[in-house]
């Protein structure tokens, strides 16, 4: 359990966020996504805890803990965005490789002949 947070509700959410961060930083986004159930339960408890103090104003220590939780969540979101951008870039690279691939034949002089512009007959393996 996270010792920075005295409130067990905050500590539990911080623990889930730290696990998520470790998984995201190691590139294991699918495993990070599997934490969603634990994260949602911890967030619900966190929100309920905040609502209790909402009218009276939270003490300084609690406000600092809330600020730290928000910061951790924002950092994890940035890691997830980086993973998404990396995947998009990899997909674009794979698509461009496919677009530049030549499918066709070669003429006697070594010139490329695409099948759409080919004339004559071809021997097939059979």
N, C-alpha and C. Protein backbone atom coordinates (compact mmCIF):
# COMPACT_ATOMS: atom_id res chain seq x y z
N UNK A 1 0.84 -1.17 0.00
CA UNK A 1 0.00 0.00 0.00
C UNK A 1 0.88 1.24 0.00
N UNK A 2 0.46 2.27 -0.69
CA UNK A 2 1.22 3.48 -0.84
C UNK A 2 1.28 4.25 0.47
N UNK A 3 2.48 4.48 1.00
CA UNK A 3 2.63 5.12 2.31
C UNK A 3 2.50 6.64 2.24
N UNK A 4 2.57 7.24 1.07
CA UNK A 4 2.43 8.69 0.93
C UNK A 4 1.03 9.15 1.35
N UNK A 5 0.04 8.33 1.08
CA UNK A 5 -1.35 8.67 1.36
C UNK A 5 -1.80 8.02 2.67
N UNK A 6 -2.26 8.84 3.61
CA UNK A 6 -2.72 8.32 4.89
C UNK A 6 -4.11 7.70 4.77
N UNK A 7 -4.94 8.26 3.91
CA UNK A 7 -6.29 7.75 3.71
C UNK A 7 -6.22 6.48 2.86
N UNK A 8 -6.77 5.36 3.36
CA UNK A 8 -6.67 4.10 2.60
C UNK A 8 -7.36 4.15 1.23
N UNK A 9 -8.39 4.98 1.09
CA UNK A 9 -9.06 5.11 -0.21
C UNK A 9 -8.11 5.74 -1.21
N UNK A 10 -7.39 6.77 -0.80
CA UNK A 10 -6.42 7.42 -1.68
C UNK A 10 -5.25 6.48 -1.98
N UNK A 11 -4.80 5.77 -0.96
CA UNK A 11 -3.67 4.85 -1.13
C UNK A 11 -4.01 3.75 -2.13
N UNK A 12 -5.24 3.23 -2.07
CA UNK A 12 -5.64 2.15 -2.99
C UNK A 12 -5.64 2.66 -4.43
N UNK A 13 -6.20 3.85 -4.66
CA UNK A 13 -6.20 4.41 -6.01
C UNK A 13 -4.78 4.69 -6.49
N UNK A 14 -3.94 5.22 -5.61
CA UNK A 14 -2.55 5.48 -5.97
C UNK A 14 -1.83 4.18 -6.34
N UNK A 15 -2.11 3.11 -5.61
CA UNK A 15 -1.49 1.82 -5.93
C UNK A 15 -1.89 1.34 -7.32
N UNK A 16 -3.18 1.47 -7.65
CA UNK A 16 -3.65 1.06 -8.98
C UNK A 16 -2.99 1.92 -10.06
N UNK A 17 -2.90 3.23 -9.81
CA UNK A 17 -2.28 4.12 -10.79
C UNK A 17 -0.78 3.82 -10.95
N UNK A 18 -0.11 3.45 -9.87
CA UNK A 18 1.30 3.09 -9.98
C UNK A 18 1.49 1.78 -10.76
N UNK A 19 0.60 0.81 -10.53
CA UNK A 19 0.67 -0.44 -11.30
C UNK A 19 0.45 -0.15 -12.78
N UNK A 20 -0.55 0.69 -13.06
CA UNK A 20 -0.86 1.05 -14.44
C UNK A 20 0.34 1.74 -15.09
N UNK A 21 0.96 2.65 -14.38
CA UNK A 21 2.12 3.37 -14.91
C UNK A 21 3.26 2.41 -15.24
N UNK A 22 3.53 1.48 -14.33
CA UNK A 22 4.61 0.51 -14.56
C UNK A 22 4.33 -0.32 -15.81
N UNK A 23 3.09 -0.73 -15.97
CA UNK A 23 2.73 -1.53 -17.15
C UNK A 23 2.82 -0.71 -18.43
N UNK A 24 2.34 0.53 -18.38
CA UNK A 24 2.40 1.39 -19.57
C UNK A 24 3.84 1.70 -19.95
N UNK A 25 4.69 1.96 -18.97
CA UNK A 25 6.09 2.28 -19.26
C UNK A 25 6.84 1.08 -19.82
N UNK A 26 6.38 -0.10 -19.50
CA UNK A 26 7.05 -1.29 -20.04
C UNK A 26 6.39 -1.77 -21.34
N UNK A 27 5.43 -0.98 -21.86
CA UNK A 27 4.80 -1.30 -23.13
C UNK A 27 3.74 -2.37 -23.06
N UNK A 28 3.25 -2.66 -21.88
CA UNK A 28 2.24 -3.71 -21.72
C UNK A 28 0.86 -3.08 -21.53
N UNK A 29 0.39 -2.42 -22.58
CA UNK A 29 -0.87 -1.68 -22.52
C UNK A 29 -2.07 -2.59 -22.29
N UNK A 30 -2.06 -3.79 -22.85
CA UNK A 30 -3.19 -4.70 -22.66
C UNK A 30 -3.32 -5.10 -21.19
N UNK A 31 -2.18 -5.32 -20.53
CA UNK A 31 -2.23 -5.65 -19.11
C UNK A 31 -2.69 -4.45 -18.29
N UNK A 32 -2.28 -3.25 -18.71
CA UNK A 32 -2.72 -2.03 -18.03
C UNK A 32 -4.23 -1.88 -18.17
N UNK A 33 -4.75 -2.22 -19.33
CA UNK A 33 -6.19 -2.13 -19.56
C UNK A 33 -6.95 -3.11 -18.68
N UNK A 34 -6.32 -4.21 -18.31
CA UNK A 34 -7.00 -5.20 -17.46
C UNK A 34 -7.21 -4.68 -16.04
N UNK A 35 -6.56 -3.59 -15.69
CA UNK A 35 -6.73 -2.98 -14.37
C UNK A 35 -7.98 -2.11 -14.28
N UNK A 36 -8.73 -1.98 -15.37
CA UNK A 36 -9.84 -1.04 -15.42
C UNK A 36 -10.88 -1.30 -14.34
N UNK A 37 -11.17 -2.54 -14.03
CA UNK A 37 -12.15 -2.84 -12.99
C UNK A 37 -11.71 -2.33 -11.62
N UNK A 38 -10.46 -2.64 -11.27
CA UNK A 38 -9.91 -2.16 -10.00
C UNK A 38 -9.85 -0.64 -9.97
N UNK A 39 -9.47 -0.08 -11.10
CA UNK A 39 -9.34 1.39 -11.18
C UNK A 39 -10.71 2.06 -11.01
N UNK A 40 -11.73 1.52 -11.65
CA UNK A 40 -13.06 2.13 -11.55
C UNK A 40 -13.61 2.03 -10.12
N UNK A 41 -13.41 0.90 -9.46
CA UNK A 41 -13.86 0.77 -8.07
C UNK A 41 -13.12 1.75 -7.16
N UNK A 42 -11.81 1.87 -7.36
CA UNK A 42 -11.02 2.80 -6.56
C UNK A 42 -11.44 4.25 -6.83
N UNK A 43 -11.75 4.56 -8.10
CA UNK A 43 -12.20 5.92 -8.44
C UNK A 43 -13.55 6.24 -7.81
N UNK A 44 -14.45 5.27 -7.80
CA UNK A 44 -15.76 5.49 -7.18
C UNK A 44 -15.61 5.76 -5.69
N UNK A 45 -14.78 4.99 -5.03
CA UNK A 45 -14.54 5.22 -3.60
C UNK A 45 -13.87 6.57 -3.37
N UNK A 46 -12.94 6.93 -4.25
CA UNK A 46 -12.24 8.21 -4.18
C UNK A 46 -13.23 9.36 -4.31
N UNK A 47 -14.12 9.28 -5.31
CA UNK A 47 -15.12 10.34 -5.51
C UNK A 47 -16.07 10.43 -4.33
N UNK A 48 -16.48 9.30 -3.78
CA UNK A 48 -17.37 9.31 -2.62
C UNK A 48 -16.66 9.96 -1.43
N UNK A 49 -15.39 9.69 -1.27
CA UNK A 49 -14.60 10.26 -0.19
C UNK A 49 -14.51 11.78 -0.33
N UNK A 50 -14.33 12.24 -1.55
CA UNK A 50 -14.23 13.68 -1.80
C UNK A 50 -15.56 14.37 -1.51
N UNK A 51 -16.66 13.75 -1.91
CA UNK A 51 -17.98 14.35 -1.72
C UNK A 51 -18.30 14.55 -0.24
N UNK A 52 -17.80 13.71 0.63
CA UNK A 52 -18.05 13.85 2.06
C UNK A 52 -17.51 15.17 2.58
N UNK A 53 -16.31 15.54 2.12
CA UNK A 53 -15.68 16.78 2.58
C UNK A 53 -16.00 17.98 1.69
N UNK A 54 -16.75 17.76 0.63
CA UNK A 54 -16.98 18.80 -0.37
C UNK A 54 -17.56 20.08 0.18
N UNK A 55 -18.53 20.01 1.06
CA UNK A 55 -19.19 21.22 1.55
C UNK A 55 -18.34 21.96 2.56
N UNK A 56 -17.58 21.26 3.37
CA UNK A 56 -16.81 21.89 4.43
C UNK A 56 -15.43 22.35 3.95
N UNK A 57 -14.99 21.87 2.82
CA UNK A 57 -13.65 22.18 2.35
C UNK A 57 -12.68 21.16 2.92
N UNK A 58 -11.92 20.56 2.06
CA UNK A 58 -11.00 19.51 2.47
C UNK A 58 -9.79 20.11 3.18
N UNK A 59 -9.24 19.41 4.16
CA UNK A 59 -8.02 19.90 4.81
C UNK A 59 -6.85 19.90 3.81
N UNK A 60 -5.82 20.65 4.15
CA UNK A 60 -4.67 20.82 3.25
C UNK A 60 -4.07 19.48 2.84
N UNK A 61 -3.89 18.58 3.78
CA UNK A 61 -3.27 17.28 3.47
C UNK A 61 -4.11 16.52 2.43
N UNK A 62 -5.43 16.58 2.57
CA UNK A 62 -6.31 15.89 1.63
C UNK A 62 -6.25 16.56 0.25
N UNK A 63 -6.21 17.88 0.22
CA UNK A 63 -6.11 18.60 -1.06
C UNK A 63 -4.81 18.25 -1.77
N UNK A 64 -3.72 18.13 -1.01
CA UNK A 64 -2.44 17.75 -1.60
C UNK A 64 -2.50 16.32 -2.15
N UNK A 65 -3.16 15.44 -1.42
CA UNK A 65 -3.30 14.06 -1.88
C UNK A 65 -4.13 14.00 -3.16
N UNK A 66 -5.20 14.79 -3.21
CA UNK A 66 -6.03 14.85 -4.42
C UNK A 66 -5.20 15.35 -5.59
N UNK A 67 -4.41 16.39 -5.36
CA UNK A 67 -3.56 16.95 -6.42
C UNK A 67 -2.57 15.90 -6.94
N UNK A 68 -2.00 15.12 -6.03
CA UNK A 68 -1.05 14.07 -6.42
C UNK A 68 -1.74 12.98 -7.24
N UNK A 69 -2.96 12.59 -6.84
CA UNK A 69 -3.73 11.57 -7.58
C UNK A 69 -4.00 12.07 -9.00
N UNK A 70 -4.42 13.33 -9.11
CA UNK A 70 -4.71 13.91 -10.43
C UNK A 70 -3.45 13.92 -11.28
N UNK A 71 -2.33 14.29 -10.69
CA UNK A 71 -1.06 14.30 -11.42
C UNK A 71 -0.70 12.91 -11.92
N UNK A 72 -0.87 11.90 -11.07
CA UNK A 72 -0.56 10.52 -11.47
C UNK A 72 -1.45 10.09 -12.63
N UNK A 73 -2.74 10.42 -12.56
CA UNK A 73 -3.67 10.05 -13.62
C UNK A 73 -3.30 10.74 -14.93
N UNK A 74 -2.91 12.01 -14.86
CA UNK A 74 -2.52 12.75 -16.06
C UNK A 74 -1.26 12.16 -16.69
N UNK A 75 -0.30 11.76 -15.85
CA UNK A 75 0.93 11.14 -16.37
C UNK A 75 0.61 9.82 -17.08
N UNK A 76 -0.28 9.03 -16.49
CA UNK A 76 -0.66 7.76 -17.12
C UNK A 76 -1.37 8.01 -18.44
N UNK A 77 -2.20 9.04 -18.49
CA UNK A 77 -2.87 9.38 -19.75
C UNK A 77 -1.85 9.77 -20.82
N UNK A 78 -0.80 10.48 -20.43
CA UNK A 78 0.25 10.86 -21.38
C UNK A 78 0.99 9.61 -21.89
N UNK A 79 1.24 8.66 -21.00
CA UNK A 79 1.88 7.41 -21.42
C UNK A 79 0.99 6.66 -22.41
N UNK A 80 -0.32 6.62 -22.13
CA UNK A 80 -1.24 5.93 -23.03
C UNK A 80 -1.29 6.63 -24.39
N UNK A 81 -1.28 7.96 -24.39
CA UNK A 81 -1.25 8.71 -25.66
C UNK A 81 0.02 8.38 -26.45
N UNK A 82 1.14 8.26 -25.76
CA UNK A 82 2.39 7.93 -26.44
C UNK A 82 2.31 6.54 -27.07
N UNK A 83 1.71 5.60 -26.36
CA UNK A 83 1.55 4.25 -26.91
C UNK A 83 0.65 4.29 -28.14
N UNK A 84 -0.47 5.02 -28.03
CA UNK A 84 -1.38 5.15 -29.18
C UNK A 84 -0.69 5.77 -30.38
N UNK A 85 0.09 6.83 -30.16
CA UNK A 85 0.81 7.47 -31.26
C UNK A 85 1.83 6.53 -31.88
N UNK A 86 2.51 5.75 -31.05
CA UNK A 86 3.46 4.78 -31.57
C UNK A 86 2.79 3.72 -32.42
N UNK A 87 1.64 3.26 -31.99
CA UNK A 87 0.90 2.26 -32.78
C UNK A 87 0.43 2.85 -34.11
N UNK A 88 -0.09 4.07 -34.06
CA UNK A 88 -0.52 4.73 -35.31
C UNK A 88 0.65 4.85 -36.29
N UNK A 89 1.81 5.26 -35.76
CA UNK A 89 2.98 5.42 -36.62
C UNK A 89 3.41 4.07 -37.21
N UNK A 90 3.40 3.02 -36.41
CA UNK A 90 3.77 1.70 -36.90
C UNK A 90 2.80 1.22 -37.97
N UNK A 91 1.51 1.46 -37.78
CA UNK A 91 0.51 1.07 -38.78
C UNK A 91 0.74 1.82 -40.08
N UNK A 92 1.00 3.13 -39.98
CA UNK A 92 1.27 3.92 -41.20
C UNK A 92 2.51 3.40 -41.93
N UNK A 93 3.54 3.04 -41.18
CA UNK A 93 4.76 2.50 -41.81
C UNK A 93 4.47 1.19 -42.52
N UNK A 94 3.70 0.32 -41.88
CA UNK A 94 3.35 -0.96 -42.51
C UNK A 94 2.50 -0.74 -43.76
N UNK A 95 1.57 0.20 -43.69
CA UNK A 95 0.74 0.49 -44.86
C UNK A 95 1.57 1.05 -46.00
N UNK A 96 2.56 1.90 -45.69
CA UNK A 96 3.39 2.47 -46.75
C UNK A 96 4.28 1.40 -47.37
N UNK A 97 4.72 0.43 -46.58
CA UNK A 97 5.49 -0.68 -47.16
C UNK A 97 4.65 -1.46 -48.15
N UNK A 98 3.40 -1.69 -47.80
CA UNK A 98 2.49 -2.42 -48.67
C UNK A 98 2.22 -1.63 -49.95
N UNK A 99 2.07 -0.31 -49.83
CA UNK A 99 1.81 0.53 -51.01
C UNK A 99 2.99 0.56 -51.97
N UNK A 100 4.20 0.47 -51.44
CA UNK A 100 5.37 0.56 -52.30
C UNK A 100 5.84 -0.80 -52.82
N UNK A 101 5.21 -1.86 -52.42
CA UNK A 101 5.61 -3.20 -52.88
C UNK A 101 5.24 -3.37 -54.35
N UNK A 102 6.15 -3.93 -55.11
CA UNK A 102 5.91 -4.17 -56.53
C UNK A 102 5.40 -5.59 -56.74
N UNK A 103 4.27 -5.67 -57.42
CA UNK A 103 3.74 -6.98 -57.78
C UNK A 103 3.67 -7.01 -59.30
N UNK A 104 4.44 -7.88 -59.89
CA UNK A 104 4.46 -7.95 -61.34
C UNK A 104 5.54 -8.91 -61.82
N UNK A 105 6.06 -8.58 -62.97
CA UNK A 105 7.06 -9.43 -63.60
C UNK A 105 8.16 -8.52 -64.12
N UNK A 106 9.14 -9.13 -64.70
CA UNK A 106 10.26 -8.38 -65.27
C UNK A 106 10.44 -8.78 -66.73
N UNK A 107 10.74 -7.80 -67.55
CA UNK A 107 10.98 -8.05 -68.97
C UNK A 107 12.39 -8.59 -69.20
N UNK A 108 12.73 -8.84 -70.46
CA UNK A 108 14.03 -9.41 -70.81
C UNK A 108 15.18 -8.51 -70.39
N UNK A 109 15.01 -7.22 -70.46
CA UNK A 109 16.08 -6.28 -70.09
C UNK A 109 16.10 -5.97 -68.60
N UNK A 110 15.20 -6.57 -67.83
CA UNK A 110 15.17 -6.34 -66.40
C UNK A 110 14.18 -5.27 -65.98
N UNK A 111 13.48 -4.70 -66.95
CA UNK A 111 12.50 -3.67 -66.61
C UNK A 111 11.30 -4.29 -65.91
N UNK A 112 10.75 -3.54 -64.97
CA UNK A 112 9.57 -4.04 -64.25
C UNK A 112 8.34 -3.93 -65.13
N UNK A 113 7.53 -4.97 -65.13
CA UNK A 113 6.26 -4.98 -65.84
C UNK A 113 5.17 -5.34 -64.84
N UNK A 114 4.28 -4.41 -64.57
CA UNK A 114 3.21 -4.77 -63.65
C UNK A 114 2.23 -5.66 -64.38
N UNK A 115 1.54 -6.49 -63.67
CA UNK A 115 0.62 -7.42 -64.30
C UNK A 115 -0.50 -6.69 -65.03
N UNK A 116 -0.86 -5.51 -64.60
CA UNK A 116 -1.94 -4.78 -65.27
C UNK A 116 -1.51 -4.29 -66.64
N UNK A 117 -0.20 -4.05 -66.84
CA UNK A 117 0.27 -3.55 -68.14
C UNK A 117 0.95 -4.63 -68.97
N UNK A 118 0.91 -5.85 -68.51
CA UNK A 118 1.62 -6.94 -69.19
C UNK A 118 0.89 -7.37 -70.47
N UNK A 119 1.69 -7.73 -71.46
CA UNK A 119 1.14 -8.29 -72.69
C UNK A 119 1.87 -9.61 -72.96
N UNK A 120 1.27 -10.43 -73.73
CA UNK A 120 1.90 -11.70 -74.06
C UNK A 120 1.38 -12.80 -73.15
N UNK A 121 2.08 -13.91 -73.19
CA UNK A 121 1.64 -15.05 -72.41
C UNK A 121 2.68 -15.38 -71.36
N UNK A 122 2.23 -15.99 -70.30
CA UNK A 122 3.11 -16.36 -69.19
C UNK A 122 2.94 -17.84 -68.94
N UNK A 123 4.05 -18.48 -68.66
CA UNK A 123 3.99 -19.90 -68.28
C UNK A 123 3.72 -19.97 -66.78
N UNK A 124 2.80 -20.82 -66.43
CA UNK A 124 2.46 -20.99 -65.02
C UNK A 124 3.00 -22.32 -64.54
N UNK A 125 3.33 -22.33 -63.27
CA UNK A 125 3.72 -23.62 -62.68
C UNK A 125 2.47 -24.45 -62.58
N UNK A 126 2.57 -25.68 -62.84
CA UNK A 126 1.33 -26.41 -62.78
C UNK A 126 1.48 -27.81 -62.60
